[in-house]
N, C-alpha and C. Protein backbone atom coordinates (compact mmCIF):
# COMPACT_ATOMS: atom_id res chain seq x y z
N GLY A 1 194.06 -107.83 29.57
CA GLY A 1 193.80 -109.60 29.94
C GLY A 1 192.33 -109.38 29.29
N ILE A 2 191.79 -110.84 29.36
CA ILE A 2 190.56 -110.90 28.31
C ILE A 2 189.33 -110.22 29.39
N LYS A 3 188.42 -109.58 28.65
CA LYS A 3 187.28 -108.73 29.27
C LYS A 3 185.95 -109.74 29.25
N LYS A 4 186.06 -110.37 28.32
CA LYS A 4 184.43 -111.22 28.22
C LYS A 4 184.75 -112.28 27.60
N CYS A 5 183.94 -113.42 27.57
CA CYS A 5 183.91 -114.58 26.85
C CYS A 5 183.53 -114.54 25.11
N GLU A 6 184.11 -115.46 24.62
CA GLU A 6 184.23 -115.31 23.26
C GLU A 6 182.93 -115.72 22.99
N GLU A 7 182.17 -114.90 21.96
CA GLU A 7 180.63 -115.29 21.55
C GLU A 7 180.35 -116.51 21.57
N SER A 8 181.07 -117.67 21.02
CA SER A 8 180.70 -118.51 20.31
C SER A 8 180.47 -119.60 21.73
N LEU A 9 181.66 -119.28 22.64
CA LEU A 9 181.76 -120.16 23.71
C LEU A 9 180.15 -119.53 24.67
N LEU A 10 180.35 -118.20 24.40
CA LEU A 10 178.97 -117.86 25.59
C LEU A 10 177.63 -118.11 24.97
N GLU A 11 177.52 -118.49 23.80
CA GLU A 11 176.07 -119.21 22.71
C GLU A 11 176.14 -120.65 23.69
N SER A 12 177.44 -121.27 23.49
CA SER A 12 177.46 -122.99 23.72
C SER A 12 176.72 -122.92 25.58
N TYR A 13 177.45 -121.92 26.06
CA TYR A 13 177.08 -121.99 27.53
C TYR A 13 175.44 -121.27 28.09
N SER A 14 175.24 -120.82 26.94
CA SER A 14 173.66 -120.16 26.81
C SER A 14 172.57 -121.35 26.89
N GLU A 15 172.98 -122.19 25.66
CA GLU A 15 172.28 -123.27 25.24
C GLU A 15 172.28 -124.40 26.33
N ARG A 16 173.33 -124.53 26.85
CA ARG A 16 173.38 -125.53 27.90
C ARG A 16 172.77 -125.27 28.72
N TYR A 17 172.78 -124.08 29.36
CA TYR A 17 171.87 -123.53 30.69
C TYR A 17 170.16 -124.00 30.37
N ASP A 18 169.83 -123.45 28.77
CA ASP A 18 168.54 -123.51 28.32
C ASP A 18 167.99 -124.67 28.55
N ASN A 19 168.95 -125.95 27.68
CA ASN A 19 168.72 -127.45 27.95
C ASN A 19 168.43 -127.57 29.74
N LEU A 20 169.11 -127.29 30.64
CA LEU A 20 169.37 -127.98 32.04
C LEU A 20 167.92 -127.23 32.74
N VAL A 21 167.80 -126.28 32.33
CA VAL A 21 166.46 -125.69 32.72
C VAL A 21 165.15 -126.39 32.37
N ARG A 22 165.36 -126.48 31.14
CA ARG A 22 164.10 -127.30 30.26
C ARG A 22 163.91 -128.74 30.94
N ASP A 23 165.34 -129.37 31.36
CA ASP A 23 165.16 -130.35 31.80
C ASP A 23 164.54 -130.58 33.18
N GLY A 24 164.80 -129.31 33.99
CA GLY A 24 164.31 -129.14 35.50
C GLY A 24 162.38 -129.03 35.20
N GLU A 25 162.34 -128.27 33.99
CA GLU A 25 160.97 -127.94 33.81
C GLU A 25 160.18 -129.95 33.54
N ILE A 26 161.00 -130.25 32.82
CA ILE A 26 159.82 -131.82 32.37
C ILE A 26 160.20 -132.65 33.41
N ALA A 27 161.34 -132.71 34.52
CA ALA A 27 161.44 -133.26 35.67
C ALA A 27 160.40 -132.88 36.52
N LEU A 28 159.77 -131.55 36.64
CA LEU A 28 158.89 -131.06 37.32
C LEU A 28 157.45 -132.19 37.03
N THR A 29 157.39 -132.37 35.92
CA THR A 29 156.00 -132.65 35.45
C THR A 29 155.89 -134.19 35.97
N GLY A 30 156.94 -134.75 36.40
CA GLY A 30 156.93 -136.02 36.99
C GLY A 30 156.44 -136.01 38.55
N ILE A 31 156.33 -134.86 39.15
CA ILE A 31 156.35 -134.74 40.55
C ILE A 31 154.88 -134.29 40.64
N GLU A 32 153.99 -134.72 41.57
CA GLU A 32 152.74 -134.27 41.77
C GLU A 32 153.09 -133.17 42.55
N PRO A 33 151.76 -132.06 42.21
CA PRO A 33 151.79 -131.20 42.94
C PRO A 33 151.60 -131.30 44.45
N GLY A 34 152.02 -130.44 45.14
CA GLY A 34 151.73 -130.90 46.73
C GLY A 34 152.54 -131.44 47.30
N THR A 35 153.40 -132.30 46.39
CA THR A 35 154.38 -133.33 47.12
C THR A 35 155.20 -132.33 48.02
N PHE A 36 156.06 -132.48 48.96
CA PHE A 36 157.02 -132.32 49.62
C PHE A 36 158.01 -131.88 48.76
N GLY A 37 158.30 -130.55 49.15
CA GLY A 37 159.55 -129.89 47.75
C GLY A 37 159.14 -129.49 46.97
N TYR A 38 158.14 -129.90 46.24
CA TYR A 38 157.49 -128.93 44.89
C TYR A 38 157.16 -127.91 44.66
N ASP A 39 156.79 -127.15 45.31
CA ASP A 39 156.70 -125.71 45.52
C ASP A 39 158.28 -125.12 45.42
N GLU A 40 159.26 -125.44 46.32
CA GLU A 40 160.73 -125.09 46.37
C GLU A 40 161.07 -125.36 44.84
N LEU A 41 161.11 -126.37 44.50
CA LEU A 41 161.66 -127.00 43.18
C LEU A 41 161.36 -126.22 42.07
N ARG A 42 159.67 -125.91 42.36
CA ARG A 42 159.01 -125.16 41.07
C ARG A 42 159.64 -123.71 40.78
N LYS A 43 159.73 -122.80 41.89
CA LYS A 43 159.85 -121.95 41.64
C LYS A 43 161.55 -121.72 41.71
N MET A 44 162.65 -122.35 42.41
CA MET A 44 164.00 -122.22 41.41
C MET A 44 163.98 -122.46 40.32
N VAL A 45 163.36 -123.40 39.91
CA VAL A 45 163.42 -123.65 37.87
C VAL A 45 162.92 -122.38 37.33
N ALA A 46 161.64 -121.80 38.31
CA ALA A 46 161.18 -120.33 37.58
C ALA A 46 161.95 -119.21 37.62
N ARG A 47 162.97 -119.20 38.78
CA ARG A 47 163.89 -118.20 38.91
C ARG A 47 165.29 -118.44 37.66
N LEU A 48 165.47 -119.36 37.59
CA LEU A 48 166.46 -120.11 36.58
C LEU A 48 165.93 -119.63 35.25
N ARG A 49 164.87 -119.64 35.07
CA ARG A 49 164.48 -119.47 33.85
C ARG A 49 164.24 -117.99 33.55
N ASN A 50 163.78 -117.13 34.35
CA ASN A 50 163.41 -115.75 34.56
C ASN A 50 164.43 -114.77 34.81
N TYR A 51 165.30 -115.24 35.50
CA TYR A 51 166.83 -114.58 35.73
C TYR A 51 168.03 -115.25 35.00
N LYS A 52 167.92 -115.61 33.70
CA LYS A 52 169.08 -116.16 32.93
C LYS A 52 170.11 -115.04 32.87
N ASP A 53 169.94 -114.12 32.39
CA ASP A 53 171.03 -112.84 32.50
C ASP A 53 171.49 -112.72 33.56
N ALA A 54 171.10 -112.32 34.77
CA ALA A 54 171.67 -112.26 35.75
C ALA A 54 172.18 -113.76 36.42
N TYR A 55 171.92 -114.81 35.87
CA TYR A 55 173.00 -115.97 36.28
C TYR A 55 174.35 -116.01 35.86
N LEU A 56 174.10 -115.64 34.08
CA LEU A 56 175.22 -115.75 33.33
C LEU A 56 176.04 -114.56 33.72
N LEU A 57 175.62 -113.57 33.86
CA LEU A 57 176.37 -111.86 33.81
C LEU A 57 177.96 -112.28 34.07
N PHE A 58 178.28 -112.84 35.28
CA PHE A 58 179.60 -113.45 35.01
C PHE A 58 180.57 -113.88 33.86
N ILE A 59 179.68 -114.58 32.99
CA ILE A 59 180.07 -115.00 31.82
C ILE A 59 180.30 -113.86 30.95
N ARG A 60 179.54 -112.91 30.34
CA ARG A 60 179.17 -111.89 29.59
C ARG A 60 180.00 -110.61 30.08
N ASP A 61 180.52 -110.57 31.21
CA ASP A 61 181.16 -109.20 31.84
C ASP A 61 182.02 -109.86 32.93
N TYR A 62 183.47 -110.00 32.96
CA TYR A 62 184.33 -110.41 33.46
C TYR A 62 184.80 -109.43 34.98
N ASN A 63 183.88 -108.22 34.61
CA ASN A 63 184.35 -107.70 35.57
C ASN A 63 183.07 -107.53 37.11
N ALA A 64 181.80 -108.56 36.74
CA ALA A 64 180.86 -108.85 37.12
C ALA A 64 181.40 -109.77 38.59
N PRO A 65 181.00 -109.61 39.82
CA PRO A 65 181.54 -110.93 41.04
C PRO A 65 181.13 -111.99 40.43
N PHE A 66 181.80 -112.96 40.66
CA PHE A 66 181.52 -114.40 40.38
C PHE A 66 180.08 -115.16 41.17
N THR A 67 180.40 -114.42 42.55
CA THR A 67 179.26 -114.99 43.68
C THR A 67 179.16 -113.43 44.45
N ASN A 68 178.23 -113.56 45.50
CA ASN A 68 177.55 -112.50 46.10
C ASN A 68 178.37 -112.37 47.43
N ASN A 69 179.28 -112.90 47.54
CA ASN A 69 180.39 -112.85 48.65
C ASN A 69 180.34 -111.88 49.44
N LEU A 70 180.54 -110.91 48.52
CA LEU A 70 181.35 -109.51 49.18
C LEU A 70 179.64 -108.68 50.06
N ALA A 71 178.72 -109.16 49.44
CA ALA A 71 177.41 -108.69 49.81
C ALA A 71 177.60 -109.32 51.41
N GLU A 72 177.40 -110.65 51.44
CA GLU A 72 177.63 -111.82 52.55
C GLU A 72 178.42 -111.09 53.48
N ARG A 73 179.23 -110.91 53.19
CA ARG A 73 180.62 -110.64 54.56
C ARG A 73 180.19 -109.63 54.53
N ASP A 74 179.66 -108.30 54.08
CA ASP A 74 179.05 -106.88 54.51
C ASP A 74 178.49 -107.42 55.63
N LEU A 75 177.35 -108.08 55.24
CA LEU A 75 176.08 -108.42 56.46
C LEU A 75 176.64 -109.06 57.42
N ARG A 76 177.57 -109.65 57.42
CA ARG A 76 178.35 -110.84 58.27
C ARG A 76 178.26 -110.22 59.80
N PRO A 77 178.93 -108.66 60.22
CA PRO A 77 179.04 -108.17 61.23
C PRO A 77 177.77 -108.03 61.89
N CYS A 78 176.52 -107.56 61.22
CA CYS A 78 175.52 -106.87 61.74
C CYS A 78 174.88 -108.28 62.41
N LYS A 79 175.15 -109.83 61.71
CA LYS A 79 174.63 -110.91 62.39
C LYS A 79 175.27 -111.64 63.45
N THR A 80 176.36 -111.29 63.21
CA THR A 80 177.40 -111.43 64.44
C THR A 80 177.25 -110.96 66.10
N ARG A 81 176.93 -109.66 65.57
CA ARG A 81 176.60 -108.52 66.63
C ARG A 81 175.09 -109.05 67.29
N GLN A 82 174.16 -109.51 66.43
CA GLN A 82 172.84 -109.84 66.87
C GLN A 82 173.04 -111.30 67.63
N LYS A 83 173.71 -112.27 67.26
CA LYS A 83 173.99 -113.28 67.80
C LYS A 83 174.88 -113.60 69.03
N ILE A 84 175.61 -112.50 69.58
CA ILE A 84 176.47 -112.16 70.72
C ILE A 84 175.37 -111.59 71.64
N SER A 85 174.74 -110.76 71.17
CA SER A 85 173.68 -110.07 72.34
C SER A 85 172.19 -110.36 72.29
N GLY A 86 172.15 -111.18 71.30
CA GLY A 86 171.11 -111.82 71.54
C GLY A 86 170.01 -110.83 70.54
N CYS A 87 169.83 -109.34 70.46
CA CYS A 87 169.40 -108.64 69.81
C CYS A 87 169.88 -107.16 69.81
N PHE A 88 169.12 -106.49 69.00
CA PHE A 88 169.42 -104.70 69.45
C PHE A 88 168.39 -104.16 70.08
N ARG A 89 169.26 -103.26 71.07
CA ARG A 89 167.96 -102.68 71.98
C ARG A 89 166.72 -102.09 71.35
N THR A 90 167.79 -101.47 70.35
CA THR A 90 166.36 -100.10 69.84
C THR A 90 166.96 -100.18 68.85
N TRP A 91 165.85 -99.68 67.58
CA TRP A 91 165.82 -99.33 66.38
C TRP A 91 167.07 -98.06 65.95
N ARG A 92 167.01 -96.99 67.06
CA ARG A 92 168.10 -95.96 66.88
C ARG A 92 169.40 -96.90 67.21
N GLY A 93 169.66 -97.83 68.07
CA GLY A 93 171.12 -98.45 68.11
C GLY A 93 171.21 -99.50 66.59
N ILE A 94 170.63 -100.01 66.21
CA ILE A 94 170.45 -100.42 64.85
C ILE A 94 170.76 -99.87 63.51
N SER A 95 170.28 -98.75 63.69
CA SER A 95 170.38 -97.55 62.79
C SER A 95 171.61 -96.89 62.96
N ASP A 96 172.57 -96.60 64.13
CA ASP A 96 173.66 -96.37 64.18
C ASP A 96 175.14 -97.32 63.92
N PHE A 97 174.41 -98.71 64.47
CA PHE A 97 175.42 -99.63 64.19
C PHE A 97 175.63 -100.03 62.49
N VAL A 98 174.80 -100.13 61.83
CA VAL A 98 174.60 -99.84 60.47
C VAL A 98 175.51 -99.12 59.78
N LYS A 99 175.36 -97.65 60.17
CA LYS A 99 175.84 -96.30 59.47
C LYS A 99 177.07 -96.71 59.67
N ILE A 100 177.73 -96.93 60.98
CA ILE A 100 178.99 -97.16 61.45
C ILE A 100 179.84 -98.20 60.71
N MET A 101 179.24 -99.38 60.61
CA MET A 101 179.65 -100.16 59.88
C MET A 101 179.79 -100.31 58.06
N SER A 102 178.95 -99.60 58.01
CA SER A 102 178.86 -98.76 56.50
C SER A 102 179.91 -98.23 56.11
N VAL A 103 180.36 -97.15 57.03
CA VAL A 103 181.36 -96.48 56.61
C VAL A 103 182.64 -97.41 56.87
N PHE A 104 183.25 -97.79 57.68
CA PHE A 104 184.03 -98.89 58.07
C PHE A 104 184.24 -99.91 56.62
N SER A 105 183.17 -100.61 56.16
CA SER A 105 183.42 -101.21 55.04
C SER A 105 183.68 -100.76 53.89
N THR A 106 182.72 -99.30 53.69
CA THR A 106 183.57 -98.58 52.38
C THR A 106 185.10 -98.44 52.25
N TRP A 107 185.72 -98.07 53.61
CA TRP A 107 187.23 -97.66 54.03
C TRP A 107 187.81 -98.85 53.64
N LYS A 108 187.57 -99.89 54.08
CA LYS A 108 188.14 -101.07 53.59
C LYS A 108 188.15 -101.50 51.92
N LYS A 109 186.95 -101.11 51.65
CA LYS A 109 186.95 -101.30 50.27
C LYS A 109 187.87 -100.32 49.55
N GLN A 110 188.21 -99.33 49.96
CA GLN A 110 188.86 -98.15 49.22
C GLN A 110 190.46 -98.41 49.68
N GLN A 111 190.55 -99.79 50.47
CA GLN A 111 192.08 -100.04 51.10
C GLN A 111 192.86 -99.01 51.87
N ALA A 112 191.59 -97.81 52.54
CA ALA A 112 192.20 -97.03 53.38
C ALA A 112 192.86 -97.65 54.94
N ASP A 113 193.83 -97.03 55.30
CA ASP A 113 194.13 -97.33 56.33
C ASP A 113 193.08 -96.65 57.41
N LEU A 114 192.47 -97.96 58.22
CA LEU A 114 191.09 -97.61 59.15
C LEU A 114 191.86 -96.72 60.14
N PHE A 115 193.23 -96.81 61.02
CA PHE A 115 193.33 -95.93 62.30
C PHE A 115 193.47 -94.91 61.32
N THR A 116 193.98 -94.54 60.67
CA THR A 116 194.03 -93.15 60.21
C THR A 116 192.94 -92.36 59.78
N LYS A 117 192.13 -93.13 59.05
CA LYS A 117 190.62 -92.72 58.93
C LYS A 117 189.73 -92.08 60.18
N ILE A 118 189.82 -92.99 61.43
CA ILE A 118 189.03 -92.76 62.38
C ILE A 118 189.70 -91.33 63.37
N LYS A 119 191.30 -91.60 62.89
CA LYS A 119 191.79 -90.20 63.70
C LYS A 119 191.35 -88.71 62.82
N GLU A 120 191.50 -88.96 61.12
CA GLU A 120 191.06 -88.01 60.81
C GLU A 120 189.69 -87.22 60.86
N LYS A 121 188.70 -88.24 61.06
CA LYS A 121 187.52 -87.94 61.00
C LYS A 121 186.88 -87.59 62.27
N PHE A 122 187.48 -88.48 63.31
CA PHE A 122 186.85 -88.28 64.69
C PHE A 122 187.52 -87.40 65.99
N ILE A 123 188.96 -87.64 65.44
CA ILE A 123 189.76 -87.12 66.57
C ILE A 123 190.40 -85.33 66.08
N GLU A 124 190.79 -85.52 65.13
CA GLU A 124 191.25 -84.03 64.76
C GLU A 124 190.44 -83.22 64.50
N PRO A 125 190.74 -81.69 64.88
CA PRO A 125 189.88 -80.78 65.26
C PRO A 125 189.02 -80.24 63.82
N HIS A 126 190.01 -80.31 62.73
CA HIS A 126 189.38 -79.57 61.75
C HIS A 126 188.44 -80.69 60.57
N SER A 127 188.14 -81.74 61.50
CA SER A 127 187.63 -82.80 60.76
C SER A 127 185.90 -82.44 60.23
N THR A 128 185.47 -82.83 59.23
CA THR A 128 183.94 -82.44 58.93
C THR A 128 183.23 -83.45 58.57
N PHE A 129 183.57 -84.55 59.11
CA PHE A 129 182.67 -85.64 58.79
C PHE A 129 181.50 -86.07 59.36
N ASN A 130 180.29 -86.23 58.75
CA ASN A 130 179.17 -86.49 58.87
C ASN A 130 178.60 -87.74 58.54
N ILE A 131 177.73 -88.64 59.61
CA ILE A 131 177.04 -89.57 59.19
C ILE A 131 175.46 -89.05 59.34
N PRO A 132 175.02 -89.33 58.06
CA PRO A 132 173.38 -88.36 57.61
C PRO A 132 172.50 -89.61 58.83
N SER A 133 171.49 -88.91 59.38
CA SER A 133 170.53 -89.32 60.50
C SER A 133 169.52 -90.03 59.39
N GLY A 134 169.04 -91.22 59.92
CA GLY A 134 168.28 -91.76 59.22
C GLY A 134 166.81 -91.79 59.62
N GLN A 135 166.03 -92.07 59.15
CA GLN A 135 164.36 -92.04 60.19
C GLN A 135 163.86 -93.04 59.60
């Protein structure tokens, strides 16, 4: 399939992006500093200008994810656990939970059968599975 955007189309999108950022910068000149929301808008426009390559990466490289949903999904179990119990009781508990979830998340991304992996690593006697200890 197609691996990347045509150069002429990429240039067109890049130019349009620059114009939109410029429009944002111009719009900011009409807002008085200190006005409610001004600082947030200024920072957003600066991020759009400074990180253009990162924002447009998915157009240049079709292997790049379009969103950060995968990262957000990886964090969701931690937030859910925190909401259900109100907090983690110890730093050790947080550390252990994150390590276990990291292993499970990796197995899911590898499309491994979780039951089989758990059996192999934790139940079968020849297992040499190690979760590194964190300090």
